[in-house]
Amino acid sequence: MSAVLTVKDLGISFGSNHVLKSINFELNENEVLGVIGPNGAGKTVMLNILTGILKPTKGTISFQGKEISHEGVTERCRGGIGRTFQVPRPFEQMTVFENIMVGGVFGAGMSEAEAKQKALEVADVIKLDDKLDLFAGKLGLLDRKRLEIGRALATEPKILLLDEVGGGLTESEVGLIINLVKEIKSQGVSVIWIEHIIRTMLEGTDRVMLLADGVDVITGAPLDVMNSSEVKKVYMGGGDDE
């Protein structure tokens, strides 16, 4: 299995605060890599670096064999790296259909006609095809999460970065998100999924990576990582995920 993304010695500092010291991992083709870690581990910061929002202090990022550390947000998005954010912020006065189109037009640089077709395809995947004409501001949390994923999918990503898309959902709703991620993977999209819900990591990922103290502590099969001494040590005494 070949790597679609390779991260080597990735680090970032804000003054004297070394948020990420040295992160090393590979994301394989057609793989879901889960990421866990305590509050302040730098998980979201890592996604911000991967998407070009933040520039690393050191290290390299190779996407499909090409070094992209120098590329900006737009270049990376149109090159095939899509993402969601922890708190969904749809354009509330626009319809579900229009929100998804935004991803196609502004994220992927599609024509309006292309974006319309892509929006219809994506709406079917995220199970919002029956709510296309509904204003996004009227959506419940689950559908807002689905729409957030949909806007990212409309950019036609080769890698999708998910930032706590299961947060705040009920147990049954989390199951629906797990199934959605599996369907996205089945379409050939590799996924990095940050989450604090253990079930999502055990049922929805192929491997799990633990981040703590600015480094990747352990990466492996989900159950092996969850039962590892490293995870027990990091989470001993509590501490919620960010």
Foldseek 3Di string as FASTA:
>chain_A
DDFQKWWWQWWAADVPRTLAGGETDTFHWLFEEEEFEFPSLCPVVVVCQQQAVDQTPDIFMAGNNRTCSPPHNLVNLLVAEFEFDQDQDFPQQAFLLVRLLCLQCRRNVDDSVLSNVLSCVLCVLLVNNVRRRPGPNPDDLLVSLSSRVSSRCSNVHLEYEYEASVPPDDPVSSVVVLVSLNVVSVVTHTYYHYHQDLVSLQRRGQKYWYGDPNYTDDMDGSVCVCPDPVVCVRQPPHGGTD
